[in-house]
């Protein structure tokens, strides 16, 4: 089965960004809302794919919207988070006295 242009574009773009291009997997679903591309990459590549503050992921989404507009389709990107990929929730901020008490000096 031939890949759609949006899927081919995303695959070539992401494979150029990540360190493990063989682990890039893209699933394409078309429904009444448009095209949904679900992207899975190696957990080690998530930082490079997302970018600082989500800038790389945002740029990829913008480019996909342009590709979609040229093909009269609405294209959305979902980046699947790998298992165990959620960052631990930070402890609430402590005041200086509690931090000093926690130090075992």
PDB file of N, CA and C in Angstrom:
ATOM      1  N   UNK A   1       0.844  -1.174   0.000  1.00  0.00           N
ATOM      2  CA  UNK A   1       0.000   0.000   0.000  1.00  0.00           C
ATOM      3  C   UNK A   1       0.895   1.246   0.000  1.00  0.00           C
ATOM      4  N   UNK A   2       0.610   2.163  -0.884  1.00  0.00           N
ATOM      5  CA  UNK A   2       1.408   3.379  -0.990  1.00  0.00           C
ATOM      6  C   UNK A   2       1.109   4.309   0.181  1.00  0.00           C
ATOM      7  N   UNK A   3       2.143   4.965   0.657  1.00  0.00           N
ATOM      8  CA  UNK A   3       1.971   5.901   1.757  1.00  0.00           C
ATOM      9  C   UNK A   3       1.459   7.227   1.217  1.00  0.00           C
ATOM     10  N   UNK A   4       0.661   7.901   2.033  1.00  0.00           N
ATOM     11  CA  UNK A   4       0.163   9.213   1.661  1.00  0.00           C
ATOM     12  C   UNK A   4       1.298  10.222   1.743  1.00  0.00           C
ATOM     13  N   UNK A   5       1.150  11.342   1.041  1.00  0.00           N
ATOM     14  CA  UNK A   5       2.206  12.345   1.009  1.00  0.00           C
ATOM     15  C   UNK A   5       2.505  12.898   2.400  1.00  0.00           C
ATOM     16  N   UNK A   6       1.461  13.115   3.188  1.00  0.00           N
ATOM     17  CA  UNK A   6       1.690  13.665   4.523  1.00  0.00           C
ATOM     18  C   UNK A   6       2.465  12.685   5.402  1.00  0.00           C
ATOM     19  N   UNK A   7       2.164  11.404   5.276  1.00  0.00           N
ATOM     20  CA  UNK A   7       2.856  10.389   6.056  1.00  0.00           C
ATOM     21  C   UNK A   7       4.313  10.253   5.601  1.00  0.00           C
ATOM     22  N   UNK A   8       4.544  10.280   4.301  1.00  0.00           N
ATOM     23  CA  UNK A   8       5.909  10.212   3.768  1.00  0.00           C
ATOM     24  C   UNK A   8       6.728  11.409   4.236  1.00  0.00           C
ATOM     25  N   UNK A   9       6.109  12.594   4.174  1.00  0.00           N
ATOM     26  CA  UNK A   9       6.796  13.811   4.596  1.00  0.00           C
ATOM     27  C   UNK A   9       7.193  13.735   6.066  1.00  0.00           C
ATOM     28  N   UNK A  10       6.244  13.336   6.928  1.00  0.00           N
ATOM     29  CA  UNK A  10       6.524  13.236   8.355  1.00  0.00           C
ATOM     30  C   UNK A  10       7.623  12.218   8.626  1.00  0.00           C
ATOM     31  N   UNK A  11       7.557  11.084   7.952  1.00  0.00           N
ATOM     32  CA  UNK A  11       8.552  10.042   8.166  1.00  0.00           C
ATOM     33  C   UNK A  11       9.956  10.525   7.801  1.00  0.00           C
ATOM     34  N   UNK A  12      10.090  11.154   6.656  1.00  0.00           N
ATOM     35  CA  UNK A  12      11.419  11.626   6.247  1.00  0.00           C
ATOM     36  C   UNK A  12      11.914  12.741   7.158  1.00  0.00           C
ATOM     37  N   UNK A  13      11.037  13.603   7.606  1.00  0.00           N
ATOM     38  CA  UNK A  13      11.412  14.700   8.495  1.00  0.00           C
ATOM     39  C   UNK A  13      11.885  14.170   9.850  1.00  0.00           C
ATOM     40  N   UNK A  14      11.097  13.283  10.450  1.00  0.00           N
ATOM     41  CA  UNK A  14      11.423  12.757  11.776  1.00  0.00           C
ATOM     42  C   UNK A  14      12.669  11.877  11.728  1.00  0.00           C
ATOM     43  N   UNK A  15      12.834  11.074  10.682  1.00  0.00           N
ATOM     44  CA  UNK A  15      14.016  10.220  10.573  1.00  0.00           C
ATOM     45  C   UNK A  15      15.290  11.055  10.499  1.00  0.00           C
ATOM     46  N   UNK A  16      15.197  12.270   9.993  1.00  0.00           N
ATOM     47  CA  UNK A  16      16.348  13.153   9.942  1.00  0.00           C
ATOM     48  C   UNK A  16      16.671  13.793  11.284  1.00  0.00           C
ATOM     49  N   UNK A  17      15.712  13.815  12.196  1.00  0.00           N
ATOM     50  CA  UNK A  17      15.891  14.454  13.507  1.00  0.00           C
ATOM     51  C   UNK A  17      16.396  13.473  14.550  1.00  0.00           C
ATOM     52  N   UNK A  18      15.869  12.254  14.547  1.00  0.00           N
ATOM     53  CA  UNK A  18      16.141  11.300  15.620  1.00  0.00           C
ATOM     54  C   UNK A  18      17.441  10.521  15.390  1.00  0.00           C
ATOM     55  N   UNK A  19      17.941   9.909  16.455  1.00  0.00           N
ATOM     56  CA  UNK A  19      19.149   9.092  16.375  1.00  0.00           C
ATOM     57  C   UNK A  19      18.854   7.640  16.005  1.00  0.00           C
ATOM     58  N   UNK A  20      17.598   7.219  16.160  1.00  0.00           N
ATOM     59  CA  UNK A  20      17.191   5.837  15.868  1.00  0.00           C
ATOM     60  C   UNK A  20      16.078   5.848  14.813  1.00  0.00           C
ATOM     61  N   UNK A  21      16.425   6.142  13.554  1.00  0.00           N
ATOM     62  CA  UNK A  21      15.381   6.264  12.526  1.00  0.00           C
ATOM     63  C   UNK A  21      14.620   4.975  12.247  1.00  0.00           C
ATOM     64  N   UNK A  22      15.205   3.827  12.563  1.00  0.00           N
ATOM     65  CA  UNK A  22      14.505   2.558  12.308  1.00  0.00           C
ATOM     66  C   UNK A  22      13.345   2.358  13.280  1.00  0.00           C
ATOM     67  N   UNK A  23      13.348   3.097  14.399  1.00  0.00           N
ATOM     68  CA  UNK A  23      12.285   2.963  15.395  1.00  0.00           C
ATOM     69  C   UNK A  23      11.104   3.893  15.138  1.00  0.00           C
ATOM     70  N   UNK A  24      11.158   4.691  14.084  1.00  0.00           N
ATOM     71  CA  UNK A  24      10.070   5.626  13.770  1.00  0.00           C
ATOM     72  C   UNK A  24       8.919   4.838  13.174  1.00  0.00           C
ATOM     73  N   UNK A  25       7.739   4.982  13.805  1.00  0.00           N
ATOM     74  CA  UNK A  25       6.526   4.315  13.318  1.00  0.00           C
ATOM     75  C   UNK A  25       5.409   5.354  13.256  1.00  0.00           C
ATOM     76  N   UNK A  26       4.700   5.366  12.133  1.00  0.00           N
ATOM     77  CA  UNK A  26       3.623   6.332  11.934  1.00  0.00           C
ATOM     78  C   UNK A  26       2.361   5.584  11.543  1.00  0.00           C
ATOM     79  N   UNK A  27       1.290   5.888  12.254  1.00  0.00           N
ATOM     80  CA  UNK A  27      -0.020   5.319  11.945  1.00  0.00           C
ATOM     81  C   UNK A  27      -0.894   6.453  11.415  1.00  0.00           C
ATOM     82  N   UNK A  28      -1.609   6.198  10.331  1.00  0.00           N
ATOM     83  CA  UNK A  28      -2.436   7.238   9.697  1.00  0.00           C
ATOM     84  C   UNK A  28      -3.899   6.828   9.745  1.00  0.00           C
ATOM     85  N   UNK A  29      -4.724   7.707  10.309  1.00  0.00           N
ATOM     86  CA  UNK A  29      -6.162   7.458  10.411  1.00  0.00           C
ATOM     87  C   UNK A  29      -6.897   8.644   9.796  1.00  0.00           C
ATOM     88  N   UNK A  30      -7.848   8.351   8.920  1.00  0.00           N
ATOM     89  CA  UNK A  30      -8.653   9.392   8.292  1.00  0.00           C
ATOM     90  C   UNK A  30     -10.078   9.254   8.796  1.00  0.00           C
ATOM     91  N   UNK A  31     -10.647  10.366   9.274  1.00  0.00           N
ATOM     92  CA  UNK A  31     -12.050  10.374   9.694  1.00  0.00           C
ATOM     93  C   UNK A  31     -12.678  11.704   9.296  1.00  0.00           C
ATOM     94  N   UNK A  32     -13.867  11.981   9.816  1.00  0.00           N
ATOM     95  CA  UNK A  32     -14.565  13.209   9.442  1.00  0.00           C
ATOM     96  C   UNK A  32     -13.849  14.475   9.915  1.00  0.00           C
ATOM     97  N   UNK A  33     -12.949  14.355  10.883  1.00  0.00           N
ATOM     98  CA  UNK A  33     -12.197  15.507  11.389  1.00  0.00           C
ATOM     99  C   UNK A  33     -10.950  15.788  10.542  1.00  0.00           C
ATOM    100  N   UNK A  34     -10.555  14.853   9.718  1.00  0.00           N
ATOM    101  CA  UNK A  34      -9.367  15.015   8.893  1.00  0.00           C
ATOM    102  C   UNK A  34      -8.433  13.833   9.049  1.00  0.00           C
ATOM    103  N   UNK A  35      -7.148  14.101   8.972  1.00  0.00           N
ATOM    104  CA  UNK A  35      -6.121  13.059   9.049  1.00  0.00           C
ATOM    105  C   UNK A  35      -5.419  13.166  10.397  1.00  0.00           C
ATOM    106  N   UNK A  36      -5.272  12.039  11.070  1.00  0.00           N
ATOM    107  CA  UNK A  36      -4.529  11.995  12.319  1.00  0.00           C
ATOM    108  C   UNK A  36      -3.317  11.090  12.110  1.00  0.00           C
ATOM    109  N   UNK A  37      -2.141  11.673  12.269  1.00  0.00           N
ATOM    110  CA  UNK A  37      -0.900  10.907  12.200  1.00  0.00           C
ATOM    111  C   UNK A  37      -0.408  10.693  13.616  1.00  0.00           C
ATOM    112  N   UNK A  38      -0.267   9.436  14.009  1.00  0.00           N
ATOM    113  CA  UNK A  38       0.223   9.091  15.337  1.00  0.00           C
ATOM    114  C   UNK A  38       1.661   8.632  15.185  1.00  0.00           C
ATOM    115  N   UNK A  39       2.553   9.311  15.903  1.00  0.00           N
ATOM    116  CA  UNK A  39       3.989   9.084  15.760  1.00  0.00           C
ATOM    117  C   UNK A  39       4.546   8.405  16.997  1.00  0.00           C
ATOM    118  N   UNK A  40       5.316   7.343  16.770  1.00  0.00           N
ATOM    119  CA  UNK A  40       6.019   6.648  17.851  1.00  0.00           C
ATOM    120  C   UNK A  40       7.495   6.653  17.510  1.00  0.00           C
ATOM    121  N   UNK A  41       8.327   7.023  18.495  1.00  0.00           N
ATOM    122  CA  UNK A  41       9.776   7.006  18.307  1.00  0.00           C
ATOM    123  C   UNK A  41      10.418   6.319  19.498  1.00  0.00           C
ATOM    124  N   UNK A  42      11.695   6.045  19.391  1.00  0.00           N
ATOM    125  CA  UNK A  42      12.466   5.468  20.483  1.00  0.00           C
ATOM    126  C   UNK A  42      12.429   6.446  21.661  1.00  0.00           C
ATOM    127  N   UNK A  43      12.247   5.954  22.891  1.00  0.00           N
ATOM    128  CA  UNK A  43      12.193   6.847  24.055  1.00  0.00           C
ATOM    129  C   UNK A  43      13.402   7.774  24.181  1.00  0.00           C
ATOM    130  N   UNK A  44      14.560   7.335  23.718  1.00  0.00           N
ATOM    131  CA  UNK A  44      15.764   8.165  23.782  1.00  0.00           C
ATOM    132  C   UNK A  44      15.672   9.384  22.862  1.00  0.00           C
ATOM    133  N   UNK A  45      14.811   9.320  21.854  1.00  0.00           N
ATOM    134  CA  UNK A  45      14.701  10.399  20.871  1.00  0.00           C
ATOM    135  C   UNK A  45      13.609  11.418  21.198  1.00  0.00           C
ATOM    136  N   UNK A  46      12.882  11.207  22.273  1.00  0.00           N
ATOM    137  CA  UNK A  46      11.771  12.109  22.588  1.00  0.00           C
ATOM    138  C   UNK A  46      12.235  13.550  22.794  1.00  0.00           C
ATOM    139  N   UNK A  47      13.360  13.745  23.455  1.00  0.00           N
ATOM    140  CA  UNK A  47      13.856  15.095  23.702  1.00  0.00           C
ATOM    141  C   UNK A  47      14.154  15.837  22.412  1.00  0.00           C
ATOM    142  N   UNK A  48      14.809  15.169  21.480  1.00  0.00           N
ATOM    143  CA  UNK A  48      15.128  15.793  20.194  1.00  0.00           C
ATOM    144  C   UNK A  48      13.864  16.065  19.389  1.00  0.00           C
ATOM    145  N   UNK A  49      12.893  15.177  19.489  1.00  0.00           N
ATOM    146  CA  UNK A  49      11.661  15.334  18.732  1.00  0.00           C
ATOM    147  C   UNK A  49      10.806  16.479  19.277  1.00  0.00           C
ATOM    148  N   UNK A  50      10.706  16.584  20.577  1.00  0.00           N
ATOM    149  CA  UNK A  50       9.879  17.625  21.181  1.00  0.00           C
ATOM    150  C   UNK A  50      10.581  18.978  21.109  1.00  0.00           C
ATOM    151  N   UNK A  51      11.872  19.002  21.423  1.00  0.00           N
ATOM    152  CA  UNK A  51      12.617  20.259  21.393  1.00  0.00           C
ATOM    153  C   UNK A  51      12.411  21.054  22.665  1.00  0.00           C
ATOM    154  N   UNK A  52      13.206  22.081  22.819  1.00  0.00           N
ATOM    155  CA  UNK A  52      13.114  22.930  24.007  1.00  0.00           C
ATOM    156  C   UNK A  52      11.783  23.667  24.000  1.00  0.00           C
ATOM    157  N   UNK A  53      11.006  23.426  25.033  1.00  0.00           N
ATOM    158  CA  UNK A  53       9.710  24.092  25.141  1.00  0.00           C
ATOM    159  C   UNK A  53       8.714  23.666  24.077  1.00  0.00           C
ATOM    160  N   UNK A  54       8.964  22.531  23.434  1.00  0.00           N
ATOM    161  CA  UNK A  54       8.048  22.032  22.408  1.00  0.00           C
ATOM    162  C   UNK A  54       8.214  22.703  21.062  1.00  0.00           C
ATOM    163  N   UNK A  55       9.320  23.415  20.871  1.00  0.00           N
ATOM    164  CA  UNK A  55       9.500  24.178  19.636  1.00  0.00           C
ATOM    165  C   UNK A  55       9.625  23.291  18.396  1.00  0.00           C
ATOM    166  N   UNK A  56      10.341  22.190  18.502  1.00  0.00           N
ATOM    167  CA  UNK A  56      10.503  21.310  17.344  1.00  0.00           C
ATOM    168  C   UNK A  56       9.177  20.641  16.985  1.00  0.00           C
ATOM    169  N   UNK A  57       8.476  20.144  17.989  1.00  0.00           N
ATOM    170  CA  UNK A  57       7.174  19.510  17.739  1.00  0.00           C
ATOM    171  C   UNK A  57       6.194  20.520  17.142  1.00  0.00           C
ATOM    172  N   UNK A  58       6.215  21.742  17.638  1.00  0.00           N
ATOM    173  CA  UNK A  58       5.342  22.785  17.092  1.00  0.00           C
ATOM    174  C   UNK A  58       5.658  23.087  15.638  1.00  0.00           C
ATOM    175  N   UNK A  59       6.946  23.134  15.307  1.00  0.00           N
ATOM    176  CA  UNK A  59       7.346  23.391  13.922  1.00  0.00           C
ATOM    177  C   UNK A  59       6.913  22.243  13.005  1.00  0.00           C
ATOM    178  N   UNK A  60       7.038  21.011  13.487  1.00  0.00           N
ATOM    179  CA  UNK A  60       6.614  19.852  12.688  1.00  0.00           C
ATOM    180  C   UNK A  60       5.108  19.925  12.443  1.00  0.00           C
ATOM    181  N   UNK A  61       4.343  20.269  13.468  1.00  0.00           N
ATOM    182  CA  UNK A  61       2.879  20.390  13.309  1.00  0.00           C
ATOM    183  C   UNK A  61       2.525  21.471  12.294  1.00  0.00           C
ATOM    184  N   UNK A  62       3.241  22.588  12.337  1.00  0.00           N
ATOM    185  CA  UNK A  62       2.986  23.672  11.382  1.00  0.00           C
ATOM    186  C   UNK A  62       3.268  23.213   9.957  1.00  0.00           C
ATOM    187  N   UNK A  63       4.383  22.519   9.759  1.00  0.00           N
ATOM    188  CA  UNK A  63       4.708  22.019   8.428  1.00  0.00           C
ATOM    189  C   UNK A  63       3.667  21.014   7.936  1.00  0.00           C
ATOM    190  N   UNK A  64       3.172  20.173   8.849  1.00  0.00           N
ATOM    191  CA  UNK A  64       2.137  19.200   8.452  1.00  0.00           C
ATOM    192  C   UNK A  64       0.844  19.901   8.059  1.00  0.00           C
ATOM    193  N   UNK A  65       0.510  20.995   8.735  1.00  0.00           N
ATOM    194  CA  UNK A  65      -0.688  21.748   8.346  1.00  0.00           C
ATOM    195  C   UNK A  65      -0.538  22.311   6.932  1.00  0.00           C
ATOM    196  N   UNK A  66       0.675  22.747   6.591  1.00  0.00           N
ATOM    197  CA  UNK A  66       0.926  23.269   5.245  1.00  0.00           C
ATOM    198  C   UNK A  66       0.791  22.157   4.212  1.00  0.00           C
ATOM    199  N   UNK A  67       1.372  20.994   4.504  1.00  0.00           N
ATOM    200  CA  UNK A  67       1.247  19.848   3.591  1.00  0.00           C
ATOM    201  C   UNK A  67      -0.218  19.477   3.432  1.00  0.00           C
ATOM    202  N   UNK A  68      -0.956  19.476   4.544  1.00  0.00           N
ATOM    203  CA  UNK A  68      -2.378  19.159   4.485  1.00  0.00           C
ATOM    204  C   UNK A  68      -3.155  20.162   3.662  1.00  0.00           C
ATOM    205  N   UNK A  69      -2.845  21.443   3.825  1.00  0.00           N
ATOM    206  CA  UNK A  69      -3.550  22.480   3.074  1.00  0.00           C
ATOM    207  C   UNK A  69      -3.312  22.328   1.572  1.00  0.00           C
ATOM    208  N   UNK A  70      -2.115  21.940   1.191  1.00  0.00           N
ATOM    209  CA  UNK A  70      -1.818  21.730  -0.230  1.00  0.00           C
ATOM    210  C   UNK A  70      -2.585  20.536  -0.794  1.00  0.00           C
ATOM    211  N   UNK A  71      -2.973  19.610   0.077  1.00  0.00           N
ATOM    212  CA  UNK A  71      -3.700  18.416  -0.355  1.00  0.00           C
ATOM    213  C   UNK A  71      -5.158  18.443   0.086  1.00  0.00           C
ATOM    214  N   UNK A  72      -5.657  19.617   0.449  1.00  0.00           N
ATOM    215  CA  UNK A  72      -7.049  19.812   0.863  1.00  0.00           C
ATOM    216  C   UNK A  72      -7.463  18.871   1.992  1.00  0.00           C
ATOM    217  N   UNK A  73      -6.620  18.784   3.012  1.00  0.00           N
ATOM    218  CA  UNK A  73      -6.923  17.929   4.157  1.00  0.00           C
ATOM    219  C   UNK A  73      -6.431  18.617   5.429  1.00  0.00           C
ATOM    220  N   UNK A  74      -7.092  18.329   6.515  1.00  0.00           N
ATOM    221  CA  UNK A  74      -6.652  18.828   7.812  1.00  0.00           C
ATOM    222  C   UNK A  74      -5.802  17.732   8.450  1.00  0.00           C
ATOM    223  N   UNK A  75      -4.545  18.043   8.702  1.00  0.00           N
ATOM    224  CA  UNK A  75      -3.618  17.039   9.224  1.00  0.00           C
ATOM    225  C   UNK A  75      -3.223  17.400  10.649  1.00  0.00           C
ATOM    226  N   UNK A  76      -3.391  16.460  11.557  1.00  0.00           N
ATOM    227  CA  UNK A  76      -3.011  16.646  12.948  1.00  0.00           C
ATOM    228  C   UNK A  76      -1.979  15.592  13.332  1.00  0.00           C
ATOM    229  N   UNK A  77      -1.127  15.953  14.299  1.00  0.00           N
ATOM    230  CA  UNK A  77      -0.073  15.057  14.743  1.00  0.00           C
ATOM    231  C   UNK A  77      -0.240  14.746  16.218  1.00  0.00           C
ATOM    232  N   UNK A  78      -0.181  13.463  16.533  1.00  0.00           N
ATOM    233  CA  UNK A  78      -0.178  13.013  17.929  1.00  0.00           C
ATOM    234  C   UNK A  78       1.137  12.280  18.149  1.00  0.00           C
ATOM    235  N   UNK A  79       1.897  12.741  19.139  1.00  0.00           N
ATOM    236  CA  UNK A  79       3.156  12.093  19.471  1.00  0.00           C
ATOM    237  C   UNK A  79       2.907  11.211  20.682  1.00  0.00           C
ATOM    238  N   UNK A  80       3.048   9.903  20.499  1.00  0.00           N
ATOM    239  CA  UNK A  80       2.802   8.980  21.607  1.00  0.00           C
ATOM    240  C   UNK A  80       3.964   8.984  22.574  1.00  0.00           C
ATOM    241  N   UNK A  81       3.621   9.120  23.832  1.00  0.00           N
ATOM    242  CA  UNK A  81       4.642   9.096  24.868  1.00  0.00           C
ATOM    243  C   UNK A  81       5.001   7.647  25.169  1.00  0.00           C
ATOM    244  N   UNK A  82       6.290   7.334  25.221  1.00  0.00           N
ATOM    245  CA  UNK A  82       6.690   5.945  25.479  1.00  0.00           C
ATOM    246  C   UNK A  82       6.340   5.525  26.900  1.00  0.00           C
ATOM    247  N   UNK A  83       6.249   4.213  27.109  1.00  0.00           N
ATOM    248  CA  UNK A  83       5.950   3.702  28.440  1.00  0.00           C
ATOM    249  C   UNK A  83       6.992   4.187  29.428  1.00  0.00           C
ATOM    250  N   UNK A  84       6.528   4.612  30.583  1.00  0.00           N
ATOM    251  CA  UNK A  84       7.434   5.104  31.606  1.00  0.00           C
ATOM    252  C   UNK A  84       8.031   6.449  31.258  1.00  0.00           C
ATOM    253  N   UNK A  85       7.493   7.102  30.246  1.00  0.00           N
ATOM    254  CA  UNK A  85       8.051   8.366  29.795  1.00  0.00           C
ATOM    255  C   UNK A  85       7.593   9.572  30.563  1.00  0.00           C
ATOM    256  N   UNK A  86       6.573   9.417  31.365  1.00  0.00           N
ATOM    257  CA  UNK A  86       6.078  10.563  32.124  1.00  0.00           C
ATOM    258  C   UNK A  86       7.101  10.952  33.165  1.00  0.00           C
ATOM    259  N   UNK A  87       7.355  12.239  33.223  1.00  0.00           N
ATOM    260  CA  UNK A  87       8.299  12.729  34.221  1.00  0.00           C
ATOM    261  C   UNK A  87       7.649  12.678  35.592  1.00  0.00           C
ATOM    262  N   UNK A  88       8.437  12.406  36.609  1.00  0.00           N
ATOM    263  CA  UNK A  88       7.859  12.398  37.949  1.00  0.00           C
ATOM    264  C   UNK A  88       7.399  13.804  38.326  1.00  0.00           C
ATOM    265  N   UNK A  89       6.316  13.839  39.073  1.00  0.00           N
ATOM    266  CA  UNK A  89       5.788  15.122  39.510  1.00  0.00           C
ATOM    267  C   UNK A  89       6.722  15.682  40.573  1.00  0.00           C
ATOM    268  N   UNK A  90       7.065  16.947  40.412  1.00  0.00           N
ATOM    269  CA  UNK A  90       7.968  17.575  41.374  1.00  0.00           C
ATOM    270  C   UNK A  90       7.249  17.787  42.693  1.00  0.00           C
ATOM    271  N   UNK A  91       8.031  17.717  43.752  1.00  0.00           N
ATOM    272  CA  UNK A  91       7.476  18.019  45.064  1.00  0.00           C
ATOM    273  C   UNK A  91       7.079  19.484  45.095  1.00  0.00           C
ATOM    274  N   UNK A  92       6.127  19.767  45.931  1.00  0.00           N
ATOM    275  CA  UNK A  92       5.732  21.175  46.052  1.00  0.00           C
ATOM    276  C   UNK A  92       6.898  21.972  46.618  1.00  0.00           C
ATOM    277  N   UNK A  93       6.884  23.248  46.352  1.00  0.00           N
ATOM    278  CA  UNK A  93       7.989  24.092  46.807  1.00  0.00           C
ATOM    279  C   UNK A  93       8.017  24.143  48.324  1.00  0.00           C
ATOM    280  N   UNK A  94       9.216  24.097  48.843  1.00  0.00           N
ATOM    281  CA  UNK A  94       9.388  24.127  50.296  1.00  0.00           C
ATOM    282  C   UNK A  94       9.971  25.476  50.694  1.00  0.00           C
ATOM    283  N   UNK A  95       9.703  25.860  51.898  1.00  0.00           N
ATOM    284  CA  UNK A  95      10.315  27.087  52.381  1.00  0.00           C
ATOM    285  C   UNK A  95      11.743  26.778  52.839  1.00  0.00           C
ATOM    286  N   UNK A  96      12.509  27.802  53.054  1.00  0.00           N
ATOM    287  CA  UNK A  96      13.922  27.654  53.379  1.00  0.00           C
ATOM    288  C   UNK A  96      14.130  26.847  54.651  1.00  0.00           C
ATOM    289  N   UNK A  97      13.302  27.070  55.681  1.00  0.00           N
ATOM    290  CA  UNK A  97      13.471  26.365  56.949  1.00  0.00           C
ATOM    291  C   UNK A  97      13.305  24.857  56.785  1.00  0.00           C
ATOM    292  N   UNK A  98      12.329  24.431  55.987  1.00  0.00           N
ATOM    293  CA  UNK A  98      12.116  22.980  55.824  1.00  0.00           C
ATOM    294  C   UNK A  98      13.253  22.364  55.011  1.00  0.00           C
ATOM    295  N   UNK A  99      13.801  23.108  54.067  1.00  0.00           N
ATOM    296  CA  UNK A  99      14.926  22.601  53.290  1.00  0.00           C
ATOM    297  C   UNK A  99      16.141  22.414  54.199  1.00  0.00           C
ATOM    298  N   UNK A 100      16.402  23.395  55.054  1.00  0.00           N
ATOM    299  CA  UNK A 100      17.525  23.320  55.978  1.00  0.00           C
ATOM    300  C   UNK A 100      17.327  22.161  56.952  1.00  0.00           C
ATOM    301  N   UNK A 101      16.080  21.955  57.428  1.00  0.00           N
ATOM    302  CA  UNK A 101      15.808  20.832  58.328  1.00  0.00           C
ATOM    303  C   UNK A 101      16.049  19.497  57.649  1.00  0.00           C
ATOM    304  N   UNK A 102      15.786  19.424  56.342  1.00  0.00           N
ATOM    305  CA  UNK A 102      15.975  18.175  55.606  1.00  0.00           C
ATOM    306  C   UNK A 102      17.459  17.837  55.405  1.00  0.00           C
ATOM    307  N   UNK A 103      18.307  18.836  55.444  1.00  0.00           N
ATOM    308  CA  UNK A 103      19.745  18.594  55.306  1.00  0.00           C
ATOM    309  C   UNK A 103      20.241  17.895  56.571  1.00  0.00           C
ATOM    310  N   UNK A 104      20.925  16.825  56.391  1.00  0.00           N
ATOM    311  CA  UNK A 104      21.412  16.069  57.542  1.00  0.00           C
ATOM    312  C   UNK A 104      22.874  16.432  57.763  1.00  0.00           C
ATOM    313  N   UNK A 105      23.057  17.489  58.474  1.00  0.00           N
ATOM    314  CA  UNK A 105      24.412  17.985  58.715  1.00  0.00           C
ATOM    315  C   UNK A 105      24.826  17.665  60.122  1.00  0.00           C
TER     316      UNK A 105
END
